[in-house]
Structures are given as structure tokens and as C-alpha cells.
Amino acid sequence: MKSEIGPIMDSLNDLLEAEKAALLAGDLERLTGMAERKEALIEALNSAEQADLELLKELDLKVKRNQGLLNSALDGIRTVARRMAAFRRVRGSLETYDAKGEKSIIEVDPETSFEKRA
């Protein structure tokens, strides 16, 4: 039985290392192709009767490491999305404060331009 599960564990180990490399390189497109393969390998591993406990612990650590990297990448993507949304808002309006310290929003037509004079 161990000979059956060995190649599965080796394939999963190789896939997890490739996934880590893709995450560190920011190659998110490559990750989408890996997800199905990883799920299939984990499913095959779960249905196996015997496994090397030490190697399973090592694989578990790698899965958790990659999940942390993926979470960080997603946080970065969310931050960029929020920043881009803020830039779009700035292009559509101008926020100023009056003499009393109250915020005033001036809507700006994107087709209109401002002329700066010295």
C-alpha cells in the first residue's frame, strides 16, 4: 500500500513547491491551473489507507505556508482595488474644507479640465 501512496505524496509535495514559487512570483494565473490538481491529490491522499506520518506533517506545513502566502497575495490585491477606487473617487470630485472646518465636496465633470495660473 505504501508504494501506492508514495507517488501521490511526492506529486503533492512537488505541486506545493510549484505553488509556493508561483505565489512568490505573483503568477496568479498559474495558480488557477494548480487548484484542481491539488484537490485531486489531496482527495487521493485522504482515501488512501496508509501514509507516512512524518511526510504528512511536512505536507501539512507546506499547505499552511502556501495558504498564508495566498492570503497575503489576496490582501495585496484588495489593497490595490481600494486604492484604485479612491483614485476614481478623486477624479470625480474635489474635497475641500471651508473656514469653519466643514467638509465640502465639489463634483467635477471628467470632461472639464482646470487651468493653473501662476
N, C-alpha and C. Protein backbone atom coordinates (compact mmCIF):
# COMPACT_ATOMS: atom_id res chain seq x y z
N MET A 1 0.83 -1.20 0.00
CA MET A 1 0.00 0.00 0.00
C MET A 1 0.87 1.26 0.00
N LYS A 2 2.00 1.21 0.71
CA LYS A 2 2.86 2.37 0.79
C LYS A 2 3.40 2.76 -0.58
N SER A 3 3.63 1.76 -1.44
CA SER A 3 4.12 2.06 -2.77
C SER A 3 3.09 2.83 -3.59
N GLU A 4 1.78 2.61 -3.30
CA GLU A 4 0.72 3.34 -3.99
C GLU A 4 0.66 4.80 -3.57
N ILE A 5 0.84 5.05 -2.29
CA ILE A 5 0.68 6.40 -1.76
C ILE A 5 1.93 7.26 -1.95
N GLY A 6 3.07 6.61 -2.08
CA GLY A 6 4.33 7.35 -2.25
C GLY A 6 4.30 8.32 -3.40
N PRO A 7 3.92 7.88 -4.60
CA PRO A 7 3.87 8.81 -5.73
C PRO A 7 2.87 9.95 -5.54
N ILE A 8 1.77 9.67 -4.85
CA ILE A 8 0.77 10.72 -4.58
C ILE A 8 1.39 11.79 -3.68
N MET A 9 2.08 11.35 -2.64
CA MET A 9 2.70 12.29 -1.70
C MET A 9 3.82 13.08 -2.39
N ASP A 10 4.59 12.39 -3.24
CA ASP A 10 5.65 13.08 -3.97
C ASP A 10 5.07 14.12 -4.93
N SER A 11 4.00 13.75 -5.62
CA SER A 11 3.35 14.68 -6.56
C SER A 11 2.79 15.89 -5.82
N LEU A 12 2.17 15.65 -4.67
CA LEU A 12 1.62 16.76 -3.89
C LEU A 12 2.74 17.65 -3.38
N ASN A 13 3.82 17.05 -2.93
CA ASN A 13 4.97 17.83 -2.46
C ASN A 13 5.51 18.71 -3.58
N ASP A 14 5.68 18.14 -4.77
CA ASP A 14 6.17 18.92 -5.91
C ASP A 14 5.20 20.04 -6.28
N LEU A 15 3.92 19.72 -6.25
CA LEU A 15 2.90 20.72 -6.57
C LEU A 15 2.90 21.87 -5.56
N LEU A 16 3.06 21.54 -4.28
CA LEU A 16 3.09 22.58 -3.24
C LEU A 16 4.31 23.49 -3.41
N GLU A 17 5.43 22.92 -3.81
CA GLU A 17 6.63 23.73 -4.06
C GLU A 17 6.43 24.63 -5.29
N ALA A 18 5.79 24.10 -6.32
CA ALA A 18 5.50 24.91 -7.51
C ALA A 18 4.49 26.01 -7.18
N GLU A 19 3.53 25.69 -6.33
CA GLU A 19 2.54 26.68 -5.90
C GLU A 19 3.22 27.80 -5.12
N LYS A 20 4.15 27.45 -4.26
CA LYS A 20 4.89 28.45 -3.49
C LYS A 20 5.66 29.37 -4.44
N ALA A 21 6.33 28.78 -5.43
CA ALA A 21 7.10 29.57 -6.40
C ALA A 21 6.18 30.53 -7.17
N ALA A 22 5.01 30.04 -7.56
CA ALA A 22 4.05 30.89 -8.28
C ALA A 22 3.56 32.03 -7.40
N LEU A 23 3.29 31.73 -6.13
CA LEU A 23 2.82 32.77 -5.20
C LEU A 23 3.90 33.83 -4.99
N LEU A 24 5.12 33.39 -4.80
CA LEU A 24 6.21 34.35 -4.58
C LEU A 24 6.50 35.18 -5.82
N ALA A 25 6.26 34.59 -7.00
CA ALA A 25 6.48 35.31 -8.25
C ALA A 25 5.28 36.17 -8.64
N GLY A 26 4.16 35.99 -7.93
CA GLY A 26 2.95 36.75 -8.26
C GLY A 26 2.26 36.23 -9.50
N ASP A 27 2.53 34.99 -9.88
CA ASP A 27 1.95 34.38 -11.07
C ASP A 27 0.61 33.74 -10.70
N LEU A 28 -0.42 34.57 -10.55
CA LEU A 28 -1.72 34.09 -10.11
C LEU A 28 -2.42 33.24 -11.17
N GLU A 29 -2.12 33.45 -12.44
CA GLU A 29 -2.73 32.64 -13.49
C GLU A 29 -2.29 31.18 -13.37
N ARG A 30 -1.04 30.98 -13.04
CA ARG A 30 -0.53 29.61 -12.90
C ARG A 30 -1.20 28.90 -11.74
N LEU A 31 -1.60 29.65 -10.71
CA LEU A 31 -2.25 29.05 -9.55
C LEU A 31 -3.60 28.43 -9.89
N THR A 32 -4.33 29.05 -10.80
CA THR A 32 -5.66 28.53 -11.14
C THR A 32 -5.57 27.12 -11.72
N GLY A 33 -4.56 26.86 -12.50
CA GLY A 33 -4.37 25.53 -13.07
C GLY A 33 -3.95 24.50 -12.04
N MET A 34 -3.36 24.96 -10.96
CA MET A 34 -2.87 24.04 -9.93
C MET A 34 -3.97 23.61 -8.96
N ALA A 35 -4.99 24.40 -8.83
CA ALA A 35 -6.01 24.15 -7.80
C ALA A 35 -6.69 22.80 -7.99
N GLU A 36 -7.11 22.49 -9.21
CA GLU A 36 -7.79 21.22 -9.46
C GLU A 36 -6.87 20.04 -9.19
N ARG A 37 -5.64 20.15 -9.64
CA ARG A 37 -4.67 19.07 -9.44
C ARG A 37 -4.41 18.86 -7.95
N LYS A 38 -4.30 19.95 -7.21
CA LYS A 38 -4.05 19.85 -5.76
C LYS A 38 -5.23 19.19 -5.07
N GLU A 39 -6.44 19.58 -5.43
CA GLU A 39 -7.63 18.98 -4.84
C GLU A 39 -7.69 17.47 -5.12
N ALA A 40 -7.36 17.09 -6.35
CA ALA A 40 -7.38 15.67 -6.71
C ALA A 40 -6.34 14.89 -5.92
N LEU A 41 -5.16 15.46 -5.75
CA LEU A 41 -4.11 14.77 -4.99
C LEU A 41 -4.49 14.64 -3.52
N ILE A 42 -5.05 15.69 -2.96
CA ILE A 42 -5.45 15.64 -1.55
C ILE A 42 -6.59 14.63 -1.37
N GLU A 43 -7.51 14.59 -2.32
CA GLU A 43 -8.60 13.60 -2.26
C GLU A 43 -8.04 12.18 -2.32
N ALA A 44 -7.09 11.95 -3.21
CA ALA A 44 -6.47 10.62 -3.31
C ALA A 44 -5.72 10.27 -2.03
N LEU A 45 -5.08 11.25 -1.44
CA LEU A 45 -4.35 11.04 -0.19
C LEU A 45 -5.31 10.72 0.95
N ASN A 46 -6.44 11.42 0.99
CA ASN A 46 -7.43 11.17 2.04
C ASN A 46 -8.07 9.79 1.92
N SER A 47 -8.21 9.28 0.71
CA SER A 47 -8.83 7.97 0.53
C SER A 47 -7.84 6.82 0.70
N ALA A 48 -6.56 7.11 0.80
CA ALA A 48 -5.55 6.06 0.99
C ALA A 48 -5.60 5.53 2.42
N GLU A 49 -5.21 4.29 2.57
CA GLU A 49 -5.27 3.66 3.89
C GLU A 49 -4.05 3.93 4.74
N GLN A 50 -2.89 4.01 4.13
CA GLN A 50 -1.66 4.21 4.89
C GLN A 50 -0.90 5.40 4.34
N ALA A 51 -0.20 6.06 5.23
CA ALA A 51 0.65 7.16 4.80
C ALA A 51 1.77 7.35 5.80
N ASP A 52 2.85 7.93 5.34
CA ASP A 52 3.98 8.25 6.19
C ASP A 52 3.62 9.48 7.01
N LEU A 53 3.48 9.30 8.32
CA LEU A 53 3.01 10.37 9.19
C LEU A 53 3.93 11.59 9.16
N GLU A 54 5.23 11.35 9.13
CA GLU A 54 6.17 12.48 9.09
C GLU A 54 6.03 13.28 7.80
N LEU A 55 5.89 12.57 6.69
CA LEU A 55 5.72 13.27 5.41
C LEU A 55 4.38 14.00 5.37
N LEU A 56 3.35 13.42 5.97
CA LEU A 56 2.05 14.10 6.04
C LEU A 56 2.16 15.40 6.83
N LYS A 57 2.91 15.37 7.93
CA LYS A 57 3.11 16.60 8.73
C LYS A 57 3.84 17.65 7.91
N GLU A 58 4.84 17.20 7.15
CA GLU A 58 5.60 18.13 6.31
C GLU A 58 4.70 18.74 5.23
N LEU A 59 3.87 17.90 4.62
CA LEU A 59 2.93 18.41 3.61
C LEU A 59 1.93 19.38 4.22
N ASP A 60 1.47 19.07 5.43
CA ASP A 60 0.53 19.95 6.12
C ASP A 60 1.15 21.32 6.36
N LEU A 61 2.41 21.33 6.77
CA LEU A 61 3.11 22.61 6.99
C LEU A 61 3.21 23.40 5.68
N LYS A 62 3.48 22.68 4.60
CA LYS A 62 3.60 23.37 3.30
C LYS A 62 2.25 23.92 2.85
N VAL A 63 1.19 23.17 3.07
CA VAL A 63 -0.16 23.65 2.72
C VAL A 63 -0.47 24.92 3.52
N LYS A 64 -0.17 24.90 4.82
CA LYS A 64 -0.43 26.08 5.67
C LYS A 64 0.43 27.25 5.25
N ARG A 65 1.70 26.99 4.90
CA ARG A 65 2.60 28.06 4.44
C ARG A 65 2.03 28.70 3.18
N ASN A 66 1.62 27.86 2.22
CA ASN A 66 1.09 28.38 0.97
C ASN A 66 -0.22 29.12 1.18
N GLN A 67 -1.03 28.67 2.12
CA GLN A 67 -2.28 29.37 2.42
C GLN A 67 -1.99 30.76 2.97
N GLY A 68 -0.98 30.86 3.81
CA GLY A 68 -0.57 32.17 4.33
C GLY A 68 -0.09 33.08 3.21
N LEU A 69 0.69 32.53 2.28
CA LEU A 69 1.15 33.32 1.13
C LEU A 69 -0.02 33.76 0.26
N LEU A 70 -0.96 32.85 0.05
CA LEU A 70 -2.14 33.18 -0.75
C LEU A 70 -2.97 34.26 -0.08
N ASN A 71 -3.14 34.17 1.23
CA ASN A 71 -3.89 35.19 1.97
C ASN A 71 -3.21 36.55 1.84
N SER A 72 -1.88 36.56 1.91
CA SER A 72 -1.14 37.82 1.77
C SER A 72 -1.32 38.39 0.37
N ALA A 73 -1.28 37.53 -0.64
CA ALA A 73 -1.48 37.99 -2.02
C ALA A 73 -2.88 38.58 -2.18
N LEU A 74 -3.89 37.92 -1.61
CA LEU A 74 -5.26 38.42 -1.69
C LEU A 74 -5.40 39.75 -0.96
N ASP A 75 -4.74 39.89 0.19
CA ASP A 75 -4.77 41.17 0.91
C ASP A 75 -4.17 42.28 0.05
N GLY A 76 -3.08 41.96 -0.64
CA GLY A 76 -2.45 42.94 -1.52
C GLY A 76 -3.37 43.34 -2.66
N ILE A 77 -4.06 42.37 -3.24
CA ILE A 77 -4.99 42.66 -4.33
C ILE A 77 -6.13 43.53 -3.83
N ARG A 78 -6.65 43.23 -2.64
CA ARG A 78 -7.73 44.05 -2.07
C ARG A 78 -7.26 45.48 -1.81
N THR A 79 -6.04 45.62 -1.32
CA THR A 79 -5.49 46.95 -1.06
C THR A 79 -5.38 47.75 -2.35
N VAL A 80 -4.89 47.12 -3.40
CA VAL A 80 -4.79 47.80 -4.70
C VAL A 80 -6.17 48.19 -5.20
N ALA A 81 -7.14 47.30 -5.06
CA ALA A 81 -8.50 47.61 -5.52
C ALA A 81 -9.07 48.81 -4.77
N ARG A 82 -8.86 48.85 -3.45
CA ARG A 82 -9.34 50.00 -2.66
C ARG A 82 -8.64 51.28 -3.08
N ARG A 83 -7.35 51.19 -3.35
CA ARG A 83 -6.58 52.38 -3.75
C ARG A 83 -7.06 52.89 -5.11
N MET A 84 -7.31 51.97 -6.02
CA MET A 84 -7.79 52.37 -7.35
C MET A 84 -9.18 52.99 -7.25
N ALA A 85 -10.02 52.46 -6.36
CA ALA A 85 -11.35 53.05 -6.16
C ALA A 85 -11.22 54.46 -5.61
N ALA A 86 -10.26 54.67 -4.72
CA ALA A 86 -10.04 56.01 -4.16
C ALA A 86 -9.58 56.97 -5.26
N PHE A 87 -8.73 56.50 -6.17
CA PHE A 87 -8.29 57.35 -7.28
C PHE A 87 -9.47 57.71 -8.18
N ARG A 88 -10.37 56.76 -8.41
CA ARG A 88 -11.55 57.06 -9.23
C ARG A 88 -12.43 58.11 -8.56
N ARG A 89 -12.56 58.00 -7.23
CA ARG A 89 -13.37 59.00 -6.50
C ARG A 89 -12.73 60.38 -6.59
N VAL A 90 -11.41 60.43 -6.50
CA VAL A 90 -10.70 61.71 -6.56
C VAL A 90 -10.89 62.35 -7.93
N ARG A 91 -10.90 61.54 -8.96
CA ARG A 91 -11.09 62.08 -10.31
C ARG A 91 -12.48 62.66 -10.50
N GLY A 92 -13.46 62.18 -9.73
CA GLY A 92 -14.84 62.63 -9.91
C GLY A 92 -15.26 63.75 -8.98
N SER A 93 -14.46 64.05 -7.98
CA SER A 93 -14.84 65.12 -7.05
C SER A 93 -13.61 65.70 -6.37
N LEU A 94 -13.82 66.85 -5.78
CA LEU A 94 -12.76 67.54 -5.06
C LEU A 94 -13.27 67.83 -3.66
N GLU A 95 -12.56 67.36 -2.66
CA GLU A 95 -12.97 67.60 -1.28
C GLU A 95 -12.13 68.73 -0.70
N THR A 96 -12.82 69.70 -0.16
CA THR A 96 -12.14 70.84 0.47
C THR A 96 -12.80 71.11 1.82
N TYR A 97 -12.22 72.00 2.58
CA TYR A 97 -12.78 72.40 3.88
C TYR A 97 -12.95 73.91 3.87
N ASP A 98 -14.06 74.37 4.42
CA ASP A 98 -14.30 75.80 4.47
C ASP A 98 -13.65 76.41 5.71
N ALA A 99 -13.87 77.69 5.92
CA ALA A 99 -13.25 78.39 7.05
C ALA A 99 -13.70 77.84 8.39
N LYS A 100 -14.86 77.22 8.45
CA LYS A 100 -15.37 76.65 9.70
C LYS A 100 -14.89 75.22 9.92
N GLY A 101 -14.13 74.70 8.96
CA GLY A 101 -13.63 73.34 9.09
C GLY A 101 -14.59 72.27 8.61
N GLU A 102 -15.64 72.68 7.94
CA GLU A 102 -16.61 71.71 7.44
C GLU A 102 -16.22 71.25 6.04
N LYS A 103 -16.40 69.95 5.81
CA LYS A 103 -16.03 69.38 4.52
C LYS A 103 -17.02 69.80 3.45
N SER A 104 -16.49 70.12 2.29
CA SER A 104 -17.31 70.49 1.15
C SER A 104 -16.82 69.67 -0.04
N ILE A 105 -17.76 69.06 -0.74
CA ILE A 105 -17.41 68.24 -1.90
C ILE A 105 -17.86 68.95 -3.16
N ILE A 106 -16.95 69.14 -4.07
CA ILE A 106 -17.24 69.76 -5.35
C ILE A 106 -17.15 68.67 -6.41
N GLU A 107 -18.30 68.42 -7.06
CA GLU A 107 -18.31 67.40 -8.13
C GLU A 107 -17.60 67.97 -9.35
N VAL A 108 -16.78 67.13 -9.97
CA VAL A 108 -16.00 67.56 -11.13
C VAL A 108 -16.43 66.73 -12.33
N ASP A 109 -16.70 67.41 -13.42
CA ASP A 109 -17.01 66.72 -14.67
C ASP A 109 -15.69 66.24 -15.27
N PRO A 110 -15.54 64.95 -15.53
CA PRO A 110 -14.27 64.45 -16.06
C PRO A 110 -13.89 65.05 -17.41
N GLU A 111 -14.87 65.57 -18.13
CA GLU A 111 -14.59 66.19 -19.43
C GLU A 111 -14.00 67.59 -19.27
N THR A 112 -14.18 68.19 -18.10
CA THR A 112 -13.71 69.54 -17.85
C THR A 112 -12.29 69.48 -17.30
N SER A 113 -11.50 70.45 -17.63
CA SER A 113 -10.15 70.50 -17.09
C SER A 113 -9.95 71.82 -16.37
N PHE A 114 -9.02 71.82 -15.45
CA PHE A 114 -8.70 73.03 -14.71
C PHE A 114 -7.45 73.64 -15.30
N GLU A 115 -7.42 74.95 -15.30
CA GLU A 115 -6.23 75.63 -15.77
C GLU A 115 -5.54 76.23 -14.58
N LYS A 116 -4.26 75.96 -14.47
CA LYS A 116 -3.47 76.50 -13.37
C LYS A 116 -2.79 77.77 -13.84
N ARG A 117 -2.91 78.82 -13.05
CA ARG A 117 -2.22 80.06 -13.38
C ARG A 117 -1.33 80.46 -12.24
N ALA A 118 -0.20 80.93 -12.57
CA ALA A 118 0.73 81.34 -11.53
C ALA A 118 0.57 82.79 -11.16
